[in-house]
Amino acid sequence: MGRRDKINYYLDIAEQVSKRCTCLRRHYGAVIVKEDEVIATGYVGAPRGRKNCTDLGYCIREDRKVPRGERYELCRSVHAEANAIISASRKDMLGSSLYLVGTDMGTGGYVEQASSCAMCKRMIINAGIVSVYIRDTKDSFRVVEVENWIENDESLQAELGY
């Protein structure tokens, strides 16, 4: 058996981190890495001390049939990328990469065309992260250069994220 490539190794870690998620819709895990050192991890969950959707047994966005990419202000959770970013110092994140894995709890498969939401994109930009690796299958991924999010500002066209 061959050695796992480094990108999928970090994506595997992000996938394992996602197993701590408390969202009923999607489990996301994020890992921030710089110079082959894990700086921080994050998963989707309610702010510390607040009840999670898994504790409550329902999701308000699901109950209201809110489509993917809309009405995040209704969500109880902090996104995986945001949780990872707030767990690290900016000086450690400058020039780093973020690895992101999402699993759809309805299908059990990876989230199709997964991406960061508009708010997380802004935090990733300000954190100084330069690349985001997003898992599509167990062995394939996409690479987003954060500079593209800066140059192609979807907020000017009111496009939705995720």
N, C-alpha and C. Protein backbone atom coordinates (compact mmCIF):
# COMPACT_ATOMS: atom_id res chain seq x y z
N MET A 1 0.85 -1.18 0.00
CA MET A 1 0.00 0.00 0.00
C MET A 1 0.89 1.24 0.00
N GLY A 2 0.57 2.19 -0.88
CA GLY A 2 1.38 3.40 -0.98
C GLY A 2 1.05 4.41 0.10
N ARG A 3 1.94 5.31 0.25
CA ARG A 3 1.79 6.38 1.24
C ARG A 3 0.77 7.40 0.73
N ARG A 4 -0.10 7.87 1.60
CA ARG A 4 -1.13 8.86 1.26
C ARG A 4 -0.46 10.18 0.92
N ASP A 5 -0.92 10.83 -0.17
CA ASP A 5 -0.35 12.14 -0.50
C ASP A 5 -0.71 13.15 0.58
N LYS A 6 0.09 14.19 0.68
CA LYS A 6 -0.02 15.14 1.78
C LYS A 6 -1.36 15.89 1.80
N ILE A 7 -1.85 16.28 0.62
CA ILE A 7 -3.11 17.03 0.58
C ILE A 7 -4.25 16.16 1.11
N ASN A 8 -4.36 14.93 0.62
CA ASN A 8 -5.42 14.05 1.10
C ASN A 8 -5.22 13.66 2.57
N TYR A 9 -3.99 13.64 3.02
CA TYR A 9 -3.72 13.40 4.44
C TYR A 9 -4.38 14.50 5.29
N TYR A 10 -4.18 15.76 4.91
CA TYR A 10 -4.79 16.85 5.67
C TYR A 10 -6.31 16.87 5.49
N LEU A 11 -6.78 16.51 4.30
CA LEU A 11 -8.23 16.41 4.09
C LEU A 11 -8.81 15.28 4.93
N ASP A 12 -8.07 14.19 5.09
CA ASP A 12 -8.52 13.09 5.97
C ASP A 12 -8.64 13.57 7.41
N ILE A 13 -7.70 14.40 7.84
CA ILE A 13 -7.78 14.96 9.20
C ILE A 13 -9.02 15.84 9.32
N ALA A 14 -9.26 16.69 8.31
CA ALA A 14 -10.45 17.55 8.33
C ALA A 14 -11.73 16.71 8.38
N GLU A 15 -11.74 15.62 7.65
CA GLU A 15 -12.92 14.74 7.67
C GLU A 15 -13.12 14.13 9.05
N GLN A 16 -12.04 13.75 9.69
CA GLN A 16 -12.15 13.20 11.05
C GLN A 16 -12.65 14.27 12.02
N VAL A 17 -12.14 15.50 11.87
CA VAL A 17 -12.59 16.61 12.71
C VAL A 17 -14.09 16.83 12.54
N SER A 18 -14.58 16.67 11.31
CA SER A 18 -16.01 16.90 11.02
C SER A 18 -16.92 15.97 11.81
N LYS A 19 -16.40 14.87 12.28
CA LYS A 19 -17.21 13.91 13.03
C LYS A 19 -17.64 14.44 14.39
N ARG A 20 -17.08 15.58 14.81
CA ARG A 20 -17.50 16.24 16.06
C ARG A 20 -18.67 17.20 15.83
N CYS A 21 -19.06 17.39 14.58
CA CYS A 21 -20.12 18.36 14.24
C CYS A 21 -21.43 18.04 14.95
N THR A 22 -22.17 19.10 15.19
CA THR A 22 -23.47 18.96 15.85
C THR A 22 -24.62 19.45 14.97
N CYS A 23 -24.32 19.73 13.71
CA CYS A 23 -25.34 20.14 12.74
C CYS A 23 -26.10 18.91 12.26
N LEU A 24 -27.38 19.08 12.02
CA LEU A 24 -28.20 17.97 11.54
C LEU A 24 -28.21 17.88 10.01
N ARG A 25 -27.75 18.93 9.32
CA ARG A 25 -27.79 18.97 7.86
C ARG A 25 -26.47 18.56 7.21
N ARG A 26 -25.39 19.20 7.64
CA ARG A 26 -24.09 18.96 7.03
C ARG A 26 -22.99 18.99 8.08
N HIS A 27 -22.07 18.08 7.93
CA HIS A 27 -20.89 18.06 8.81
C HIS A 27 -19.70 18.56 8.02
N TYR A 28 -19.09 19.63 8.51
CA TYR A 28 -17.88 20.19 7.90
C TYR A 28 -16.76 20.16 8.92
N GLY A 29 -15.58 19.87 8.42
CA GLY A 29 -14.37 19.95 9.22
C GLY A 29 -13.35 20.78 8.48
N ALA A 30 -12.59 21.58 9.21
CA ALA A 30 -11.57 22.44 8.61
C ALA A 30 -10.27 22.27 9.38
N VAL A 31 -9.16 22.30 8.65
CA VAL A 31 -7.83 22.23 9.24
C VAL A 31 -6.99 23.31 8.58
N ILE A 32 -6.33 24.12 9.40
CA ILE A 32 -5.41 25.14 8.89
C ILE A 32 -4.00 24.62 9.08
N VAL A 33 -3.22 24.65 7.99
CA VAL A 33 -1.87 24.10 7.99
C VAL A 33 -0.90 25.13 7.42
N LYS A 34 0.24 25.25 8.09
CA LYS A 34 1.31 26.11 7.59
C LYS A 34 2.64 25.38 7.75
N GLU A 35 3.38 25.30 6.66
CA GLU A 35 4.69 24.65 6.67
C GLU A 35 4.62 23.26 7.30
N ASP A 36 3.62 22.49 6.88
CA ASP A 36 3.40 21.12 7.35
C ASP A 36 3.13 21.00 8.84
N GLU A 37 2.61 22.03 9.43
CA GLU A 37 2.21 22.00 10.84
C GLU A 37 0.75 22.39 10.94
N VAL A 38 -0.03 21.58 11.64
CA VAL A 38 -1.44 21.90 11.87
C VAL A 38 -1.50 23.05 12.87
N ILE A 39 -2.11 24.14 12.43
CA ILE A 39 -2.22 25.35 13.26
C ILE A 39 -3.51 25.32 14.09
N ALA A 40 -4.61 24.87 13.45
CA ALA A 40 -5.90 24.85 14.15
C ALA A 40 -6.87 23.94 13.40
N THR A 41 -7.89 23.50 14.10
CA THR A 41 -8.97 22.73 13.50
C THR A 41 -10.30 23.36 13.92
N GLY A 42 -11.34 23.06 13.16
CA GLY A 42 -12.66 23.56 13.50
C GLY A 42 -13.73 22.68 12.89
N TYR A 43 -14.86 22.62 13.56
CA TYR A 43 -16.02 21.89 13.04
C TYR A 43 -17.26 22.73 13.31
N VAL A 44 -18.37 22.36 12.68
CA VAL A 44 -19.62 23.08 12.81
C VAL A 44 -20.27 22.76 14.15
N GLY A 45 -20.62 23.80 14.90
CA GLY A 45 -21.29 23.61 16.18
C GLY A 45 -21.74 24.93 16.76
N ALA A 46 -22.68 24.86 17.67
CA ALA A 46 -23.20 26.06 18.33
C ALA A 46 -22.09 26.71 19.17
N PRO A 47 -22.20 28.00 19.42
CA PRO A 47 -21.22 28.66 20.29
C PRO A 47 -21.16 27.98 21.66
N ARG A 48 -19.99 28.04 22.25
CA ARG A 48 -19.78 27.40 23.56
C ARG A 48 -20.88 27.79 24.55
N GLY A 49 -21.43 26.79 25.20
CA GLY A 49 -22.45 27.03 26.22
C GLY A 49 -23.87 27.02 25.69
N ARG A 50 -24.04 27.17 24.37
CA ARG A 50 -25.39 27.13 23.80
C ARG A 50 -25.72 25.71 23.35
N LYS A 51 -27.00 25.40 23.32
CA LYS A 51 -27.43 24.08 22.89
C LYS A 51 -27.20 23.92 21.38
N ASN A 52 -26.73 22.73 21.02
CA ASN A 52 -26.54 22.37 19.62
C ASN A 52 -27.84 21.83 19.04
N CYS A 53 -27.93 21.82 17.73
CA CYS A 53 -29.10 21.24 17.07
C CYS A 53 -29.27 19.77 17.43
N THR A 54 -28.14 19.05 17.59
CA THR A 54 -28.25 17.65 17.99
C THR A 54 -28.84 17.51 19.39
N ASP A 55 -28.59 18.50 20.27
CA ASP A 55 -29.19 18.49 21.61
C ASP A 55 -30.68 18.80 21.54
N LEU A 56 -31.03 19.76 20.66
CA LEU A 56 -32.42 20.19 20.53
C LEU A 56 -33.26 19.19 19.74
N GLY A 57 -32.62 18.49 18.82
CA GLY A 57 -33.33 17.51 18.00
C GLY A 57 -33.98 18.09 16.77
N TYR A 58 -33.66 19.33 16.43
CA TYR A 58 -34.22 19.93 15.22
C TYR A 58 -33.28 21.02 14.71
N CYS A 59 -33.50 21.36 13.45
CA CYS A 59 -32.77 22.44 12.79
C CYS A 59 -33.79 23.44 12.28
N ILE A 60 -33.68 24.67 12.71
CA ILE A 60 -34.66 25.67 12.32
C ILE A 60 -34.63 25.92 10.81
N ARG A 61 -33.45 25.87 10.21
CA ARG A 61 -33.37 26.08 8.75
C ARG A 61 -34.02 24.92 8.02
N GLU A 62 -33.86 23.71 8.54
CA GLU A 62 -34.51 22.53 7.94
C GLU A 62 -36.02 22.63 8.11
N ASP A 63 -36.47 22.99 9.32
CA ASP A 63 -37.90 23.13 9.58
C ASP A 63 -38.55 24.16 8.66
N ARG A 64 -37.83 25.22 8.35
CA ARG A 64 -38.35 26.28 7.47
C ARG A 64 -38.03 26.04 6.00
N LYS A 65 -37.40 24.90 5.72
CA LYS A 65 -37.05 24.51 4.35
C LYS A 65 -36.20 25.58 3.64
N VAL A 66 -35.25 26.11 4.39
CA VAL A 66 -34.35 27.12 3.84
C VAL A 66 -33.34 26.42 2.93
N PRO A 67 -33.21 26.86 1.68
CA PRO A 67 -32.26 26.22 0.76
C PRO A 67 -30.81 26.44 1.18
N ARG A 68 -29.97 25.55 0.71
CA ARG A 68 -28.53 25.65 0.92
C ARG A 68 -28.04 27.00 0.43
N GLY A 69 -27.17 27.63 1.23
CA GLY A 69 -26.58 28.90 0.84
C GLY A 69 -27.37 30.13 1.23
N GLU A 70 -28.49 29.94 1.93
CA GLU A 70 -29.34 31.08 2.28
C GLU A 70 -29.63 31.12 3.78
N ARG A 71 -29.88 32.32 4.27
CA ARG A 71 -30.39 32.57 5.63
C ARG A 71 -29.53 32.00 6.75
N TYR A 72 -28.21 32.19 6.64
CA TYR A 72 -27.31 31.67 7.67
C TYR A 72 -27.54 32.32 9.03
N GLU A 73 -28.16 33.48 9.05
CA GLU A 73 -28.41 34.12 10.34
C GLU A 73 -29.38 33.32 11.20
N LEU A 74 -30.12 32.41 10.60
CA LEU A 74 -31.03 31.54 11.35
C LEU A 74 -30.31 30.36 12.00
N CYS A 75 -29.15 30.04 11.49
CA CYS A 75 -28.40 28.87 11.94
C CYS A 75 -27.84 29.09 13.34
N ARG A 76 -27.89 28.05 14.17
CA ARG A 76 -27.35 28.11 15.52
C ARG A 76 -25.84 27.94 15.54
N SER A 77 -25.27 27.44 14.45
CA SER A 77 -23.88 27.02 14.45
C SER A 77 -22.89 28.08 13.98
N VAL A 78 -21.65 27.87 14.40
CA VAL A 78 -20.50 28.57 13.87
C VAL A 78 -19.88 27.60 12.87
N HIS A 79 -19.54 28.11 11.67
CA HIS A 79 -18.99 27.24 10.64
C HIS A 79 -17.59 26.74 10.99
N ALA A 80 -17.22 25.63 10.38
CA ALA A 80 -15.94 24.98 10.64
C ALA A 80 -14.77 25.92 10.37
N GLU A 81 -14.81 26.63 9.24
CA GLU A 81 -13.72 27.55 8.89
C GLU A 81 -13.57 28.64 9.95
N ALA A 82 -14.71 29.19 10.39
CA ALA A 82 -14.69 30.25 11.40
C ALA A 82 -14.13 29.72 12.72
N ASN A 83 -14.57 28.53 13.13
CA ASN A 83 -14.06 27.95 14.38
C ASN A 83 -12.56 27.70 14.31
N ALA A 84 -12.06 27.26 13.16
CA ALA A 84 -10.61 27.06 13.02
C ALA A 84 -9.89 28.40 13.09
N ILE A 85 -10.41 29.40 12.41
CA ILE A 85 -9.76 30.72 12.37
C ILE A 85 -9.70 31.35 13.76
N ILE A 86 -10.77 31.26 14.52
CA ILE A 86 -10.76 31.90 15.84
C ILE A 86 -9.91 31.14 16.85
N SER A 87 -9.47 29.95 16.47
CA SER A 87 -8.60 29.16 17.35
C SER A 87 -7.11 29.39 17.08
N ALA A 88 -6.80 30.26 16.13
CA ALA A 88 -5.39 30.48 15.77
C ALA A 88 -5.10 31.97 15.74
N SER A 89 -3.83 32.31 15.85
CA SER A 89 -3.44 33.72 15.73
C SER A 89 -3.21 34.04 14.26
N ARG A 90 -3.47 35.28 13.88
CA ARG A 90 -3.32 35.68 12.49
C ARG A 90 -1.88 35.51 12.03
N LYS A 91 -0.92 35.81 12.87
CA LYS A 91 0.49 35.70 12.45
C LYS A 91 0.82 34.25 12.10
N ASP A 92 0.18 33.29 12.76
CA ASP A 92 0.40 31.88 12.43
C ASP A 92 -0.32 31.48 11.14
N MET A 93 -1.41 32.17 10.80
CA MET A 93 -2.19 31.81 9.61
C MET A 93 -1.67 32.47 8.34
N LEU A 94 -0.90 33.54 8.45
CA LEU A 94 -0.40 34.22 7.25
C LEU A 94 0.35 33.24 6.36
N GLY A 95 -0.12 33.09 5.12
CA GLY A 95 0.53 32.19 4.18
C GLY A 95 0.14 30.73 4.33
N SER A 96 -0.85 30.43 5.15
CA SER A 96 -1.26 29.05 5.41
C SER A 96 -2.27 28.56 4.37
N SER A 97 -2.64 27.29 4.52
CA SER A 97 -3.69 26.68 3.69
C SER A 97 -4.77 26.14 4.61
N LEU A 98 -6.00 26.13 4.10
CA LEU A 98 -7.13 25.58 4.84
C LEU A 98 -7.64 24.37 4.07
N TYR A 99 -7.90 23.28 4.77
CA TYR A 99 -8.41 22.05 4.18
C TYR A 99 -9.84 21.87 4.68
N LEU A 100 -10.79 21.64 3.75
CA LEU A 100 -12.21 21.64 4.09
C LEU A 100 -12.90 20.39 3.53
N VAL A 101 -13.66 19.72 4.40
CA VAL A 101 -14.43 18.55 3.99
C VAL A 101 -15.84 18.71 4.51
N GLY A 102 -16.82 18.47 3.63
CA GLY A 102 -18.23 18.52 4.01
C GLY A 102 -18.95 17.23 3.67
N THR A 103 -19.77 16.76 4.60
CA THR A 103 -20.58 15.56 4.39
C THR A 103 -22.04 15.93 4.54
N ASP A 104 -22.85 15.53 3.58
CA ASP A 104 -24.29 15.76 3.62
C ASP A 104 -24.93 14.68 4.49
N MET A 105 -25.60 15.07 5.56
CA MET A 105 -26.15 14.09 6.49
C MET A 105 -27.35 13.37 5.91
N GLY A 106 -27.99 13.94 4.90
CA GLY A 106 -29.12 13.27 4.25
C GLY A 106 -28.69 12.12 3.37
N THR A 107 -27.60 12.32 2.64
CA THR A 107 -27.13 11.29 1.69
C THR A 107 -25.97 10.48 2.24
N GLY A 108 -25.23 11.04 3.19
CA GLY A 108 -24.03 10.37 3.70
C GLY A 108 -22.82 10.58 2.81
N GLY A 109 -23.00 11.24 1.66
CA GLY A 109 -21.90 11.49 0.74
C GLY A 109 -21.29 12.86 0.97
N TYR A 110 -20.23 13.12 0.23
CA TYR A 110 -19.60 14.44 0.32
C TYR A 110 -20.54 15.50 -0.26
N VAL A 111 -20.49 16.70 0.31
CA VAL A 111 -21.30 17.80 -0.20
C VAL A 111 -20.81 18.13 -1.60
N GLU A 112 -21.74 18.13 -2.56
CA GLU A 112 -21.38 18.43 -3.95
C GLU A 112 -21.07 19.91 -4.10
N GLN A 113 -19.99 20.18 -4.80
CA GLN A 113 -19.55 21.55 -5.05
C GLN A 113 -19.44 22.36 -3.75
N ALA A 114 -18.94 21.73 -2.71
CA ALA A 114 -18.77 22.40 -1.42
C ALA A 114 -17.86 23.61 -1.59
N SER A 115 -18.14 24.63 -0.82
CA SER A 115 -17.31 25.83 -0.79
C SER A 115 -17.61 26.56 0.51
N SER A 116 -16.83 27.54 0.80
CA SER A 116 -17.07 28.36 1.98
C SER A 116 -18.19 29.36 1.68
N CYS A 117 -18.98 29.69 2.69
CA CYS A 117 -20.01 30.71 2.52
C CYS A 117 -19.34 32.08 2.41
N ALA A 118 -20.12 33.08 2.05
CA ALA A 118 -19.58 34.43 1.84
C ALA A 118 -18.90 34.97 3.11
N MET A 119 -19.48 34.74 4.27
CA MET A 119 -18.89 35.23 5.52
C MET A 119 -17.57 34.53 5.80
N CYS A 120 -17.53 33.21 5.63
CA CYS A 120 -16.28 32.47 5.86
C CYS A 120 -15.21 32.88 4.86
N LYS A 121 -15.60 33.14 3.62
CA LYS A 121 -14.64 33.62 2.63
C LYS A 121 -13.99 34.91 3.12
N ARG A 122 -14.77 35.82 3.65
CA ARG A 122 -14.22 37.09 4.15
C ARG A 122 -13.26 36.85 5.30
N MET A 123 -13.60 35.91 6.19
CA MET A 123 -12.71 35.61 7.31
C MET A 123 -11.42 34.96 6.83
N ILE A 124 -11.52 34.06 5.85
CA ILE A 124 -10.34 33.40 5.29
C ILE A 124 -9.43 34.43 4.65
N ILE A 125 -10.00 35.36 3.91
CA ILE A 125 -9.21 36.44 3.29
C ILE A 125 -8.48 37.23 4.36
N ASN A 126 -9.20 37.68 5.37
CA ASN A 126 -8.59 38.52 6.41
C ASN A 126 -7.60 37.76 7.29
N ALA A 127 -7.75 36.45 7.38
CA ALA A 127 -6.83 35.65 8.18
C ALA A 127 -5.46 35.52 7.51
N GLY A 128 -5.40 35.79 6.21
CA GLY A 128 -4.13 35.67 5.49
C GLY A 128 -3.89 34.27 4.94
N ILE A 129 -4.94 33.46 4.90
CA ILE A 129 -4.85 32.12 4.30
C ILE A 129 -4.75 32.29 2.79
N VAL A 130 -3.89 31.51 2.13
CA VAL A 130 -3.66 31.71 0.70
C VAL A 130 -4.33 30.66 -0.20
N SER A 131 -4.58 29.46 0.32
CA SER A 131 -5.18 28.40 -0.48
C SER A 131 -6.20 27.63 0.34
N VAL A 132 -7.27 27.20 -0.34
CA VAL A 132 -8.28 26.35 0.30
C VAL A 132 -8.41 25.09 -0.54
N TYR A 133 -8.23 23.94 0.10
CA TYR A 133 -8.37 22.64 -0.55
C TYR A 133 -9.71 22.07 -0.12
N ILE A 134 -10.55 21.71 -1.09
CA ILE A 134 -11.91 21.24 -0.80
C ILE A 134 -12.08 19.84 -1.37
N ARG A 135 -12.47 18.90 -0.53
CA ARG A 135 -12.63 17.50 -0.94
C ARG A 135 -13.90 17.34 -1.77
N ASP A 136 -13.77 16.63 -2.89
CA ASP A 136 -14.91 16.26 -3.74
C ASP A 136 -15.24 14.77 -3.61
N THR A 137 -14.20 13.94 -3.56
CA THR A 137 -14.34 12.49 -3.33
C THR A 137 -13.24 12.09 -2.36
N LYS A 138 -13.19 10.84 -2.02
CA LYS A 138 -12.19 10.38 -1.04
C LYS A 138 -10.76 10.67 -1.51
N ASP A 139 -10.56 10.75 -2.83
CA ASP A 139 -9.21 10.96 -3.33
C ASP A 139 -9.06 12.18 -4.23
N SER A 140 -10.14 12.91 -4.48
CA SER A 140 -10.02 14.09 -5.35
C SER A 140 -10.47 15.35 -4.61
N PHE A 141 -9.95 16.46 -5.06
CA PHE A 141 -10.20 17.73 -4.38
C PHE A 141 -10.02 18.86 -5.39
N ARG A 142 -10.47 20.03 -4.98
CA ARG A 142 -10.26 21.27 -5.74
C ARG A 142 -9.38 22.18 -4.90
N VAL A 143 -8.63 23.02 -5.58
CA VAL A 143 -7.81 24.01 -4.90
C VAL A 143 -8.33 25.38 -5.31
N VAL A 144 -8.62 26.20 -4.31
CA VAL A 144 -9.04 27.57 -4.56
C VAL A 144 -7.94 28.48 -4.04
N GLU A 145 -7.43 29.31 -4.91
CA GLU A 145 -6.48 30.32 -4.48
C GLU A 145 -7.31 31.49 -3.93
N VAL A 146 -7.08 31.86 -2.70
CA VAL A 146 -7.88 32.89 -2.03
C VAL A 146 -7.84 34.20 -2.79
N GLU A 147 -6.75 34.46 -3.48
CA GLU A 147 -6.64 35.66 -4.32
C GLU A 147 -7.81 35.74 -5.31
N ASN A 148 -8.30 34.59 -5.79
CA ASN A 148 -9.46 34.57 -6.70
C ASN A 148 -10.71 35.11 -6.02
N TRP A 149 -10.87 34.83 -4.73
CA TRP A 149 -12.03 35.35 -3.99
C TRP A 149 -11.93 36.86 -3.83
N ILE A 150 -10.72 37.35 -3.77
CA ILE A 150 -10.52 38.80 -3.67
C ILE A 150 -10.82 39.47 -5.01
N GLU A 151 -10.25 38.92 -6.07
CA GLU A 151 -10.42 39.50 -7.40
C GLU A 151 -11.83 39.33 -7.95
N ASN A 152 -12.49 38.21 -7.66
CA ASN A 152 -13.84 37.91 -8.15
C ASN A 152 -14.81 37.97 -6.98
N ASP A 153 -15.11 39.16 -6.55
CA ASP A 153 -15.92 39.41 -5.35
C ASP A 153 -17.40 39.13 -5.64
N GLU A 154 -17.86 37.93 -5.26
CA GLU A 154 -19.25 37.53 -5.54
C GLU A 154 -20.26 38.40 -4.79
N SER A 155 -19.83 39.08 -3.75
CA SER A 155 -20.77 39.92 -3.01
C SER A 155 -21.24 41.11 -3.85
N LEU A 156 -20.48 41.48 -4.86
CA LEU A 156 -20.91 42.57 -5.75
C LEU A 156 -22.08 42.15 -6.65
N GLN A 157 -22.22 40.83 -6.87
CA GLN A 157 -23.33 40.30 -7.67
C GLN A 157 -24.40 39.66 -6.80
N ALA A 158 -24.25 39.72 -5.49
CA ALA A 158 -25.18 39.12 -4.53
C ALA A 158 -25.34 37.62 -4.77
N GLU A 159 -24.22 36.93 -5.12
CA GLU A 159 -24.26 35.48 -5.29
C GLU A 159 -24.21 34.80 -3.94
N LEU A 160 -24.84 33.63 -3.87
CA LEU A 160 -24.88 32.87 -2.63
C LEU A 160 -23.67 31.95 -2.52
N GLY A 161 -23.28 31.63 -1.30
CA GLY A 161 -22.14 30.74 -1.07
C GLY A 161 -22.58 29.31 -0.84
N TYR A 162 -21.63 28.49 -0.43
CA TYR A 162 -21.81 27.06 -0.16
C TYR A 162 -22.35 26.35 -1.37
